[in-house]
């Protein structure tokens, strides 16, 4: 068995098909919902374009729905991006260090994952009050009398996405720390 690349969950390494635990199923499920959401937005935008072009009748609220959907989709899919090691980062030095000193590379990777968890915690700390405010004030997006949509659902997705990303970063940090500890490498 090969060891996982830095920042990659062992189940994502080399396409291995392992049984996913409940948390991993949640993360994969959120990614799938995000993908379906993208498909729905494609249908909406195409329907709007066809309605404008052929019937001079656009779909009302398309702009607003796409605007809030982009944010929701990102937070639905971010945790799976982290889980599979596909989060964009410059890891040339980490890869070099991991080849030269695997334990030091694993420790540095764990540190990076802990920093990622810290950023998610800060985002979560700042987003919960915004969600609370959106619910209390019944905030909406759009033009009254034309199209309006509440913003609390997408704020809820942001809070959920940040919380799941926080846990995913912590899981990868623990895995990195385990690889950094004395014992068999792998």
N, C-alpha and C. Protein backbone atom coordinates (compact mmCIF):
# COMPACT_ATOMS: atom_id res chain seq x y z
N UNK A 1 0.85 -1.18 0.00
CA UNK A 1 0.00 0.00 0.00
C UNK A 1 0.89 1.23 0.00
N UNK A 2 0.54 2.18 -0.83
CA UNK A 2 1.31 3.42 -0.88
C UNK A 2 0.75 4.40 0.12
N UNK A 3 1.62 5.29 0.59
CA UNK A 3 1.14 6.30 1.52
C UNK A 3 0.48 7.43 0.73
N UNK A 4 -0.48 8.08 1.35
CA UNK A 4 -1.20 9.16 0.70
C UNK A 4 -0.29 10.37 0.52
N UNK A 5 -0.54 11.11 -0.52
CA UNK A 5 0.19 12.34 -0.75
C UNK A 5 -0.17 13.33 0.35
N UNK A 6 0.69 14.33 0.58
CA UNK A 6 0.39 15.31 1.63
C UNK A 6 -0.97 15.96 1.41
N UNK A 7 -1.77 16.00 2.46
CA UNK A 7 -3.07 16.66 2.40
C UNK A 7 -4.15 15.85 1.75
N UNK A 8 -3.87 14.60 1.39
CA UNK A 8 -4.85 13.77 0.72
C UNK A 8 -5.32 12.69 1.69
N UNK A 9 -6.60 12.57 1.82
CA UNK A 9 -7.15 11.52 2.68
C UNK A 9 -6.75 10.17 2.11
N UNK A 10 -6.43 9.20 2.97
CA UNK A 10 -5.99 7.89 2.48
C UNK A 10 -6.98 7.26 1.51
N UNK A 11 -8.31 7.45 1.73
CA UNK A 11 -9.28 6.83 0.84
C UNK A 11 -9.29 7.47 -0.54
N UNK A 12 -8.72 8.67 -0.67
CA UNK A 12 -8.67 9.34 -1.97
C UNK A 12 -7.41 8.98 -2.72
N UNK A 13 -6.42 8.39 -2.04
CA UNK A 13 -5.14 8.08 -2.65
C UNK A 13 -5.29 6.98 -3.69
N UNK A 14 -4.71 7.18 -4.85
CA UNK A 14 -4.63 6.23 -5.95
C UNK A 14 -5.97 5.63 -6.31
N UNK A 15 -7.04 6.39 -6.12
CA UNK A 15 -8.36 5.93 -6.54
C UNK A 15 -8.87 4.75 -5.74
N UNK A 16 -8.27 4.47 -4.59
CA UNK A 16 -8.68 3.32 -3.79
C UNK A 16 -10.17 3.44 -3.43
N UNK A 17 -10.88 2.33 -3.58
CA UNK A 17 -12.31 2.29 -3.24
C UNK A 17 -12.45 1.66 -1.86
N UNK A 18 -12.49 2.51 -0.85
CA UNK A 18 -12.69 2.04 0.50
C UNK A 18 -14.08 2.42 0.94
N UNK A 19 -14.55 1.73 1.94
CA UNK A 19 -15.87 2.02 2.49
C UNK A 19 -15.82 3.39 3.18
N UNK A 20 -16.76 4.23 2.83
CA UNK A 20 -16.81 5.57 3.40
C UNK A 20 -17.58 5.55 4.71
N UNK A 21 -17.05 6.28 5.69
CA UNK A 21 -17.74 6.42 6.96
C UNK A 21 -18.87 7.42 6.84
N UNK A 22 -19.65 7.59 7.90
CA UNK A 22 -20.79 8.51 7.85
C UNK A 22 -20.41 9.95 7.50
N UNK A 23 -19.32 10.43 8.07
CA UNK A 23 -18.92 11.81 7.77
C UNK A 23 -18.51 11.94 6.32
N UNK A 24 -17.76 10.97 5.79
CA UNK A 24 -17.36 11.01 4.39
C UNK A 24 -18.57 10.94 3.47
N UNK A 25 -19.57 10.16 3.85
CA UNK A 25 -20.80 10.11 3.05
C UNK A 25 -21.52 11.45 3.06
N UNK A 26 -21.50 12.15 4.21
CA UNK A 26 -22.08 13.49 4.28
C UNK A 26 -21.35 14.42 3.31
N UNK A 27 -20.03 14.38 3.33
CA UNK A 27 -19.23 15.26 2.48
C UNK A 27 -19.48 14.95 1.00
N UNK A 28 -19.49 13.68 0.65
CA UNK A 28 -19.74 13.29 -0.74
C UNK A 28 -21.17 13.65 -1.14
N UNK A 29 -22.11 13.48 -0.22
CA UNK A 29 -23.50 13.83 -0.50
C UNK A 29 -23.67 15.33 -0.73
N UNK A 30 -22.98 16.13 0.08
CA UNK A 30 -23.03 17.58 -0.13
C UNK A 30 -22.46 17.95 -1.50
N UNK A 31 -21.39 17.29 -1.90
CA UNK A 31 -20.79 17.52 -3.21
C UNK A 31 -21.79 17.16 -4.31
N UNK A 32 -22.47 16.04 -4.15
CA UNK A 32 -23.46 15.61 -5.15
C UNK A 32 -24.61 16.61 -5.25
N UNK A 33 -25.08 17.10 -4.10
CA UNK A 33 -26.13 18.12 -4.12
C UNK A 33 -25.65 19.38 -4.82
N UNK A 34 -24.40 19.77 -4.57
CA UNK A 34 -23.82 20.92 -5.25
C UNK A 34 -23.78 20.71 -6.76
N UNK A 35 -23.46 19.49 -7.19
CA UNK A 35 -23.43 19.19 -8.63
C UNK A 35 -24.83 19.27 -9.24
N UNK A 36 -25.82 18.74 -8.53
CA UNK A 36 -27.20 18.85 -9.01
C UNK A 36 -27.66 20.30 -9.06
N UNK A 37 -27.21 21.08 -8.09
CA UNK A 37 -27.52 22.51 -8.05
C UNK A 37 -26.93 23.21 -9.28
N UNK A 38 -25.72 22.84 -9.65
CA UNK A 38 -25.09 23.40 -10.86
C UNK A 38 -25.94 23.06 -12.08
N UNK A 39 -26.39 21.81 -12.16
CA UNK A 39 -27.22 21.39 -13.29
C UNK A 39 -28.51 22.21 -13.34
N UNK A 40 -29.12 22.45 -12.18
CA UNK A 40 -30.34 23.26 -12.12
C UNK A 40 -30.06 24.69 -12.59
N UNK A 41 -28.91 25.22 -12.21
CA UNK A 41 -28.56 26.58 -12.64
C UNK A 41 -28.33 26.63 -14.15
N UNK A 42 -27.75 25.58 -14.71
CA UNK A 42 -27.55 25.51 -16.16
C UNK A 42 -28.91 25.55 -16.86
N UNK A 43 -29.84 24.75 -16.36
CA UNK A 43 -31.19 24.74 -16.95
C UNK A 43 -31.85 26.11 -16.82
N UNK A 44 -31.71 26.73 -15.66
CA UNK A 44 -32.31 28.04 -15.44
C UNK A 44 -31.73 29.09 -16.38
N UNK A 45 -30.41 29.15 -16.50
CA UNK A 45 -29.76 30.15 -17.35
C UNK A 45 -30.11 29.91 -18.81
N UNK A 46 -30.09 28.65 -19.23
CA UNK A 46 -30.44 28.36 -20.63
C UNK A 46 -31.91 28.67 -20.90
N UNK A 47 -32.77 28.33 -19.95
CA UNK A 47 -34.19 28.66 -20.11
C UNK A 47 -34.40 30.17 -20.20
N UNK A 48 -33.67 30.91 -19.37
CA UNK A 48 -33.75 32.37 -19.41
C UNK A 48 -33.27 32.90 -20.75
N UNK A 49 -32.15 32.38 -21.24
CA UNK A 49 -31.60 32.84 -22.52
C UNK A 49 -32.56 32.52 -23.67
N UNK A 50 -33.11 31.32 -23.67
CA UNK A 50 -34.06 30.94 -24.73
C UNK A 50 -35.33 31.78 -24.63
N UNK A 51 -35.80 32.01 -23.42
CA UNK A 51 -36.99 32.84 -23.23
C UNK A 51 -36.77 34.26 -23.71
N UNK A 52 -35.59 34.80 -23.44
CA UNK A 52 -35.28 36.16 -23.90
C UNK A 52 -35.18 36.21 -25.43
N UNK A 53 -34.50 35.22 -26.00
CA UNK A 53 -34.22 35.24 -27.44
C UNK A 53 -35.44 34.95 -28.30
N UNK A 54 -36.21 33.94 -27.94
CA UNK A 54 -37.28 33.48 -28.82
C UNK A 54 -38.67 33.99 -28.43
N UNK A 55 -38.85 34.33 -27.18
CA UNK A 55 -40.19 34.72 -26.74
C UNK A 55 -40.23 36.11 -26.11
N UNK A 56 -39.09 36.76 -26.06
CA UNK A 56 -38.93 38.05 -25.36
C UNK A 56 -39.57 38.01 -23.98
N UNK A 57 -39.39 36.87 -23.33
CA UNK A 57 -39.94 36.68 -21.99
C UNK A 57 -38.91 35.95 -21.14
N UNK A 58 -38.04 36.70 -20.44
CA UNK A 58 -37.03 36.05 -19.60
C UNK A 58 -37.65 35.42 -18.35
N UNK A 59 -36.91 34.55 -17.73
CA UNK A 59 -37.34 33.97 -16.46
C UNK A 59 -36.99 34.97 -15.36
N UNK A 60 -38.00 35.43 -14.67
CA UNK A 60 -37.82 36.45 -13.63
C UNK A 60 -37.03 35.85 -12.47
N UNK A 61 -36.03 36.58 -11.99
CA UNK A 61 -35.24 36.17 -10.84
C UNK A 61 -34.02 35.34 -11.16
N UNK A 62 -33.74 35.13 -12.43
CA UNK A 62 -32.58 34.32 -12.80
C UNK A 62 -31.29 34.91 -12.24
N UNK A 63 -31.12 36.19 -12.41
CA UNK A 63 -29.90 36.85 -11.93
C UNK A 63 -29.72 36.64 -10.43
N UNK A 64 -30.77 36.85 -9.66
CA UNK A 64 -30.69 36.71 -8.20
C UNK A 64 -30.44 35.26 -7.79
N UNK A 65 -31.11 34.33 -8.46
CA UNK A 65 -30.92 32.92 -8.12
C UNK A 65 -29.50 32.46 -8.42
N UNK A 66 -28.95 32.88 -9.54
CA UNK A 66 -27.58 32.51 -9.88
C UNK A 66 -26.62 33.16 -8.88
N UNK A 67 -26.89 34.41 -8.55
CA UNK A 67 -26.02 35.14 -7.63
C UNK A 67 -25.89 34.44 -6.28
N UNK A 68 -26.98 34.01 -5.69
CA UNK A 68 -26.88 33.34 -4.39
C UNK A 68 -26.48 31.87 -4.53
N UNK A 69 -26.78 31.28 -5.69
CA UNK A 69 -26.46 29.87 -5.88
C UNK A 69 -24.96 29.63 -5.98
N UNK A 70 -24.25 30.54 -6.60
CA UNK A 70 -22.80 30.36 -6.74
C UNK A 70 -22.16 30.20 -5.37
N UNK A 71 -22.54 31.05 -4.44
CA UNK A 71 -22.00 30.96 -3.07
C UNK A 71 -22.39 29.63 -2.43
N UNK A 72 -23.66 29.26 -2.55
CA UNK A 72 -24.12 28.01 -1.96
C UNK A 72 -23.40 26.79 -2.54
N UNK A 73 -23.22 26.79 -3.84
CA UNK A 73 -22.55 25.66 -4.50
C UNK A 73 -21.11 25.51 -4.00
N UNK A 74 -20.41 26.63 -3.87
CA UNK A 74 -19.02 26.57 -3.39
C UNK A 74 -18.96 25.90 -2.02
N UNK A 75 -19.84 26.31 -1.11
CA UNK A 75 -19.79 25.76 0.24
C UNK A 75 -20.34 24.35 0.31
N UNK A 76 -21.15 23.93 -0.64
CA UNK A 76 -21.61 22.54 -0.68
C UNK A 76 -20.48 21.61 -1.15
N UNK A 77 -19.59 22.12 -1.99
CA UNK A 77 -18.58 21.26 -2.59
C UNK A 77 -17.18 21.41 -1.99
N UNK A 78 -16.97 22.41 -1.17
CA UNK A 78 -15.63 22.69 -0.65
C UNK A 78 -15.07 21.56 0.21
N UNK A 79 -15.87 20.98 1.08
CA UNK A 79 -15.36 19.93 1.97
C UNK A 79 -14.87 18.70 1.20
N UNK A 80 -15.56 18.34 0.12
CA UNK A 80 -15.11 17.19 -0.67
C UNK A 80 -13.82 17.55 -1.42
N UNK A 81 -13.68 18.79 -1.81
CA UNK A 81 -12.43 19.24 -2.44
C UNK A 81 -11.27 19.08 -1.46
N UNK A 82 -11.51 19.43 -0.21
CA UNK A 82 -10.49 19.27 0.83
C UNK A 82 -10.23 17.78 1.07
N UNK A 83 -11.29 17.00 1.19
CA UNK A 83 -11.18 15.57 1.49
C UNK A 83 -10.35 14.82 0.46
N UNK A 84 -10.53 15.18 -0.81
CA UNK A 84 -9.84 14.46 -1.88
C UNK A 84 -8.50 15.07 -2.25
N UNK A 85 -8.07 16.12 -1.52
CA UNK A 85 -6.77 16.71 -1.77
C UNK A 85 -6.72 17.56 -3.03
N UNK A 86 -7.85 18.09 -3.43
CA UNK A 86 -7.91 18.88 -4.66
C UNK A 86 -8.03 20.38 -4.40
N UNK A 87 -7.87 20.79 -3.16
CA UNK A 87 -7.89 22.21 -2.84
C UNK A 87 -6.61 22.84 -3.38
N UNK A 88 -6.75 23.90 -4.13
CA UNK A 88 -5.60 24.53 -4.77
C UNK A 88 -4.63 25.05 -3.72
N UNK A 89 -3.38 24.65 -3.85
CA UNK A 89 -2.33 25.15 -2.97
C UNK A 89 -0.99 24.89 -3.63
N UNK A 90 -0.01 25.66 -3.26
CA UNK A 90 1.34 25.47 -3.76
C UNK A 90 2.06 24.56 -2.78
N UNK A 91 2.26 23.31 -3.16
CA UNK A 91 2.86 22.36 -2.23
C UNK A 91 4.16 21.77 -2.74
N UNK A 92 4.87 22.53 -3.56
CA UNK A 92 6.15 22.03 -4.07
C UNK A 92 7.13 21.76 -2.92
N UNK A 93 7.24 22.72 -2.01
CA UNK A 93 8.14 22.55 -0.88
C UNK A 93 7.69 21.38 0.00
N UNK A 94 6.37 21.28 0.23
CA UNK A 94 5.85 20.19 1.06
C UNK A 94 6.14 18.83 0.42
N UNK A 95 5.96 18.75 -0.90
CA UNK A 95 6.27 17.49 -1.59
C UNK A 95 7.75 17.14 -1.50
N UNK A 96 8.61 18.15 -1.66
CA UNK A 96 10.06 17.94 -1.55
C UNK A 96 10.41 17.48 -0.14
N UNK A 97 9.87 18.18 0.87
CA UNK A 97 10.15 17.83 2.26
C UNK A 97 9.62 16.44 2.59
N UNK A 98 8.47 16.09 2.06
CA UNK A 98 7.88 14.78 2.33
C UNK A 98 8.73 13.65 1.76
N UNK A 99 9.34 13.89 0.62
CA UNK A 99 10.23 12.88 0.04
C UNK A 99 11.53 12.79 0.82
N UNK A 100 12.05 13.94 1.26
CA UNK A 100 13.32 14.01 1.99
C UNK A 100 13.17 13.52 3.43
N UNK A 101 12.15 13.98 4.11
CA UNK A 101 11.90 13.63 5.51
C UNK A 101 10.39 13.45 5.70
N UNK A 102 9.90 12.23 5.48
CA UNK A 102 8.45 12.00 5.50
C UNK A 102 7.75 12.47 6.78
N UNK A 103 8.36 12.26 7.92
CA UNK A 103 7.71 12.68 9.17
C UNK A 103 7.62 14.21 9.28
N UNK A 104 8.69 14.89 8.87
CA UNK A 104 8.66 16.36 8.90
C UNK A 104 7.62 16.88 7.91
N UNK A 105 7.55 16.25 6.74
CA UNK A 105 6.53 16.64 5.76
C UNK A 105 5.12 16.43 6.29
N UNK A 106 4.92 15.31 6.96
CA UNK A 106 3.59 15.03 7.54
C UNK A 106 3.26 16.04 8.64
N UNK A 107 4.27 16.41 9.43
CA UNK A 107 4.04 17.40 10.49
C UNK A 107 3.69 18.77 9.90
N UNK A 108 4.42 19.17 8.86
CA UNK A 108 4.12 20.44 8.20
C UNK A 108 2.74 20.41 7.55
N UNK A 109 2.39 19.29 6.94
CA UNK A 109 1.06 19.13 6.35
C UNK A 109 -0.02 19.25 7.42
N UNK A 110 0.22 18.62 8.57
CA UNK A 110 -0.74 18.73 9.68
C UNK A 110 -0.89 20.18 10.13
N UNK A 111 0.23 20.91 10.15
CA UNK A 111 0.17 22.33 10.51
C UNK A 111 -0.68 23.10 9.50
N UNK A 112 -0.48 22.83 8.21
CA UNK A 112 -1.28 23.48 7.17
C UNK A 112 -2.77 23.17 7.37
N UNK A 113 -3.07 21.92 7.69
CA UNK A 113 -4.47 21.52 7.90
C UNK A 113 -5.06 22.21 9.14
N UNK A 114 -4.25 22.35 10.17
CA UNK A 114 -4.73 23.07 11.36
C UNK A 114 -4.98 24.55 11.04
N UNK A 115 -4.14 25.14 10.21
CA UNK A 115 -4.37 26.52 9.78
C UNK A 115 -5.65 26.63 8.96
N UNK A 116 -5.88 25.64 8.10
CA UNK A 116 -7.13 25.61 7.34
C UNK A 116 -8.33 25.52 8.27
N UNK A 117 -8.22 24.68 9.30
CA UNK A 117 -9.31 24.56 10.28
C UNK A 117 -9.52 25.89 11.00
N UNK A 118 -8.42 26.57 11.31
CA UNK A 118 -8.54 27.87 11.99
C UNK A 118 -9.26 28.88 11.10
N UNK A 119 -8.94 28.90 9.81
CA UNK A 119 -9.63 29.81 8.90
C UNK A 119 -11.12 29.48 8.80
N UNK A 120 -11.44 28.20 8.76
CA UNK A 120 -12.84 27.81 8.72
C UNK A 120 -13.55 28.21 10.02
N UNK A 121 -12.85 28.09 11.15
CA UNK A 121 -13.44 28.49 12.44
C UNK A 121 -13.72 29.98 12.47
N UNK A 122 -12.80 30.77 11.94
CA UNK A 122 -13.02 32.22 11.89
C UNK A 122 -14.21 32.54 10.98
N UNK A 123 -14.27 31.88 9.83
CA UNK A 123 -15.40 32.08 8.93
C UNK A 123 -16.72 31.68 9.57
N UNK A 124 -16.71 30.57 10.28
CA UNK A 124 -17.91 30.09 10.97
C UNK A 124 -18.33 31.06 12.06
N UNK A 125 -17.35 31.53 12.82
CA UNK A 125 -17.61 32.49 13.90
C UNK A 125 -18.25 33.77 13.35
N UNK A 126 -17.82 34.20 12.18
CA UNK A 126 -18.37 35.40 11.58
C UNK A 126 -19.69 35.17 10.84
N UNK A 127 -19.95 33.94 10.40
CA UNK A 127 -21.13 33.66 9.60
C UNK A 127 -22.37 33.34 10.42
N UNK A 128 -22.18 32.79 11.61
CA UNK A 128 -23.34 32.45 12.44
C UNK A 128 -24.17 33.69 12.78
N UNK A 129 -23.56 34.80 13.19
CA UNK A 129 -24.38 36.00 13.44
C UNK A 129 -25.10 36.51 12.18
N UNK A 130 -24.47 36.36 11.02
CA UNK A 130 -25.11 36.79 9.78
C UNK A 130 -26.32 35.92 9.46
N UNK A 131 -26.22 34.63 9.73
CA UNK A 131 -27.36 33.74 9.56
C UNK A 131 -28.48 34.12 10.51
N UNK A 132 -28.13 34.33 11.77
CA UNK A 132 -29.11 34.71 12.78
C UNK A 132 -29.83 36.00 12.36
N UNK A 133 -29.06 36.96 11.91
CA UNK A 133 -29.63 38.25 11.48
C UNK A 133 -30.55 38.07 10.27
N UNK A 134 -30.15 37.25 9.31
CA UNK A 134 -30.98 37.02 8.12
C UNK A 134 -32.31 36.39 8.50
N UNK A 135 -32.29 35.49 9.48
CA UNK A 135 -33.53 34.85 9.93
C UNK A 135 -34.39 35.85 10.69
N UNK A 136 -33.79 36.57 11.62
CA UNK A 136 -34.55 37.52 12.44
C UNK A 136 -35.16 38.65 11.62
N UNK A 137 -34.42 39.15 10.66
CA UNK A 137 -34.89 40.28 9.85
C UNK A 137 -35.68 39.83 8.62
N UNK A 138 -35.72 38.53 8.38
CA UNK A 138 -36.36 37.99 7.18
C UNK A 138 -35.79 38.66 5.94
N UNK A 139 -34.46 38.69 5.85
CA UNK A 139 -33.78 39.33 4.72
C UNK A 139 -34.07 38.58 3.43
N UNK A 140 -34.11 39.33 2.35
CA UNK A 140 -34.37 38.75 1.05
C UNK A 140 -33.52 39.44 -0.01
N UNK A 141 -33.45 38.82 -1.17
CA UNK A 141 -32.72 39.37 -2.31
C UNK A 141 -33.72 39.52 -3.44
N UNK A 142 -33.52 40.53 -4.26
CA UNK A 142 -34.40 40.75 -5.41
C UNK A 142 -35.12 42.07 -5.34
N UNK A 143 -36.10 42.23 -6.21
CA UNK A 143 -36.90 43.45 -6.29
C UNK A 143 -38.32 43.14 -5.84
N UNK A 144 -38.76 43.83 -4.81
CA UNK A 144 -40.10 43.60 -4.29
C UNK A 144 -41.13 43.86 -5.38
N UNK A 145 -42.07 42.95 -5.50
CA UNK A 145 -43.10 43.05 -6.52
C UNK A 145 -42.72 42.38 -7.82
N UNK A 146 -41.43 42.07 -7.99
CA UNK A 146 -40.98 41.39 -9.20
C UNK A 146 -40.52 39.98 -8.85
N UNK A 147 -39.48 39.91 -8.02
CA UNK A 147 -38.96 38.61 -7.57
C UNK A 147 -38.19 38.83 -6.27
N UNK A 148 -38.49 38.04 -5.29
CA UNK A 148 -37.71 38.05 -4.05
C UNK A 148 -37.48 36.62 -3.60
N UNK A 149 -36.36 36.42 -2.93
CA UNK A 149 -36.03 35.12 -2.35
C UNK A 149 -35.36 35.37 -1.01
N UNK A 150 -35.68 34.55 -0.01
CA UNK A 150 -35.03 34.72 1.29
C UNK A 150 -33.55 34.35 1.19
N UNK A 151 -32.72 35.02 2.00
CA UNK A 151 -31.28 34.72 1.96
C UNK A 151 -30.87 33.73 3.04
N UNK A 152 -31.75 33.43 4.01
CA UNK A 152 -31.34 32.53 5.08
C UNK A 152 -30.99 31.12 4.58
N UNK A 153 -31.63 30.58 3.52
CA UNK A 153 -31.20 29.23 3.10
C UNK A 153 -29.74 29.18 2.66
N UNK A 154 -29.30 30.17 1.89
CA UNK A 154 -27.91 30.14 1.45
C UNK A 154 -26.97 30.46 2.60
N UNK A 155 -27.39 31.29 3.54
CA UNK A 155 -26.57 31.54 4.73
C UNK A 155 -26.44 30.27 5.57
N UNK A 156 -27.51 29.47 5.60
CA UNK A 156 -27.46 28.18 6.31
C UNK A 156 -26.47 27.24 5.63
N UNK A 157 -26.48 27.22 4.30
CA UNK A 157 -25.54 26.39 3.55
C UNK A 157 -24.11 26.83 3.84
N UNK A 158 -23.88 28.14 3.94
CA UNK A 158 -22.53 28.65 4.24
C UNK A 158 -22.09 28.15 5.61
N UNK A 159 -22.95 28.29 6.61
CA UNK A 159 -22.60 27.85 7.98
C UNK A 159 -22.35 26.34 8.00
N UNK A 160 -23.23 25.58 7.37
CA UNK A 160 -23.06 24.12 7.32
C UNK A 160 -21.76 23.77 6.60
N UNK A 161 -21.51 24.41 5.46
CA UNK A 161 -20.30 24.13 4.69
C UNK A 161 -19.03 24.45 5.47
N UNK A 162 -19.03 25.59 6.16
CA UNK A 162 -17.86 25.96 6.97
C UNK A 162 -17.64 24.96 8.11
N UNK A 163 -18.71 24.53 8.75
CA UNK A 163 -18.59 23.58 9.85
C UNK A 163 -18.04 22.24 9.35
N UNK A 164 -18.54 21.78 8.23
CA UNK A 164 -18.08 20.50 7.67
C UNK A 164 -16.62 20.63 7.21
N UNK A 165 -16.26 21.76 6.61
CA UNK A 165 -14.87 21.98 6.20
C UNK A 165 -13.94 22.02 7.41
N UNK A 166 -14.38 22.64 8.48
CA UNK A 166 -13.60 22.69 9.72
C UNK A 166 -13.31 21.27 10.21
N UNK A 167 -14.33 20.45 10.26
CA UNK A 167 -14.15 19.06 10.71
C UNK A 167 -13.23 18.31 9.75
N UNK A 168 -13.41 18.52 8.45
CA UNK A 168 -12.57 17.82 7.46
C UNK A 168 -11.11 18.22 7.61
N UNK A 169 -10.83 19.50 7.79
CA UNK A 169 -9.45 19.94 8.01
C UNK A 169 -8.89 19.29 9.28
N UNK A 170 -9.68 19.24 10.35
CA UNK A 170 -9.21 18.62 11.59
C UNK A 170 -8.92 17.14 11.40
N UNK A 171 -9.75 16.45 10.65
CA UNK A 171 -9.51 15.03 10.37
C UNK A 171 -8.19 14.83 9.62
N UNK A 172 -7.94 15.69 8.64
CA UNK A 172 -6.68 15.58 7.89
C UNK A 172 -5.49 15.97 8.74
N UNK A 173 -5.68 16.93 9.66
CA UNK A 173 -4.59 17.31 10.57
C UNK A 173 -4.23 16.13 11.48
N UNK A 174 -5.24 15.45 11.99
CA UNK A 174 -4.99 14.27 12.84
C UNK A 174 -4.27 13.19 12.04
N UNK A 175 -4.70 12.96 10.80
CA UNK A 175 -4.03 11.96 9.95
C UNK A 175 -2.58 12.35 9.71
N UNK A 176 -2.31 13.65 9.50
CA UNK A 176 -0.94 14.11 9.29
C UNK A 176 -0.11 13.94 10.55
N UNK A 177 -0.69 14.23 11.71
CA UNK A 177 0.03 14.04 12.97
C UNK A 177 0.35 12.58 13.22
N UNK A 178 -0.56 11.70 12.85
CA UNK A 178 -0.31 10.26 13.01
C UNK A 178 0.84 9.82 12.12
N UNK A 179 0.91 10.38 10.91
CA UNK A 179 2.02 10.03 10.01
C UNK A 179 3.33 10.61 10.53
N UNK A 180 3.25 11.71 11.27
CA UNK A 180 4.47 12.37 11.77
C UNK A 180 5.03 11.69 13.02
N UNK A 181 4.19 10.95 13.71
CA UNK A 181 4.64 10.30 14.95
C UNK A 181 5.57 9.13 14.66
N UNK A 182 6.46 8.81 15.61
CA UNK A 182 7.35 7.66 15.40
C UNK A 182 6.56 6.37 15.21
N UNK A 183 7.06 5.52 14.38
CA UNK A 183 6.42 4.25 14.05
C UNK A 183 6.61 3.98 12.58
N UNK A 184 5.99 2.94 12.08
CA UNK A 184 6.14 2.64 10.64
C UNK A 184 5.56 3.76 9.78
N UNK A 185 6.29 4.15 8.75
CA UNK A 185 5.83 5.17 7.83
C UNK A 185 4.84 4.53 6.87
N UNK A 186 3.72 5.23 6.60
CA UNK A 186 2.78 4.70 5.63
C UNK A 186 1.43 4.91 5.98
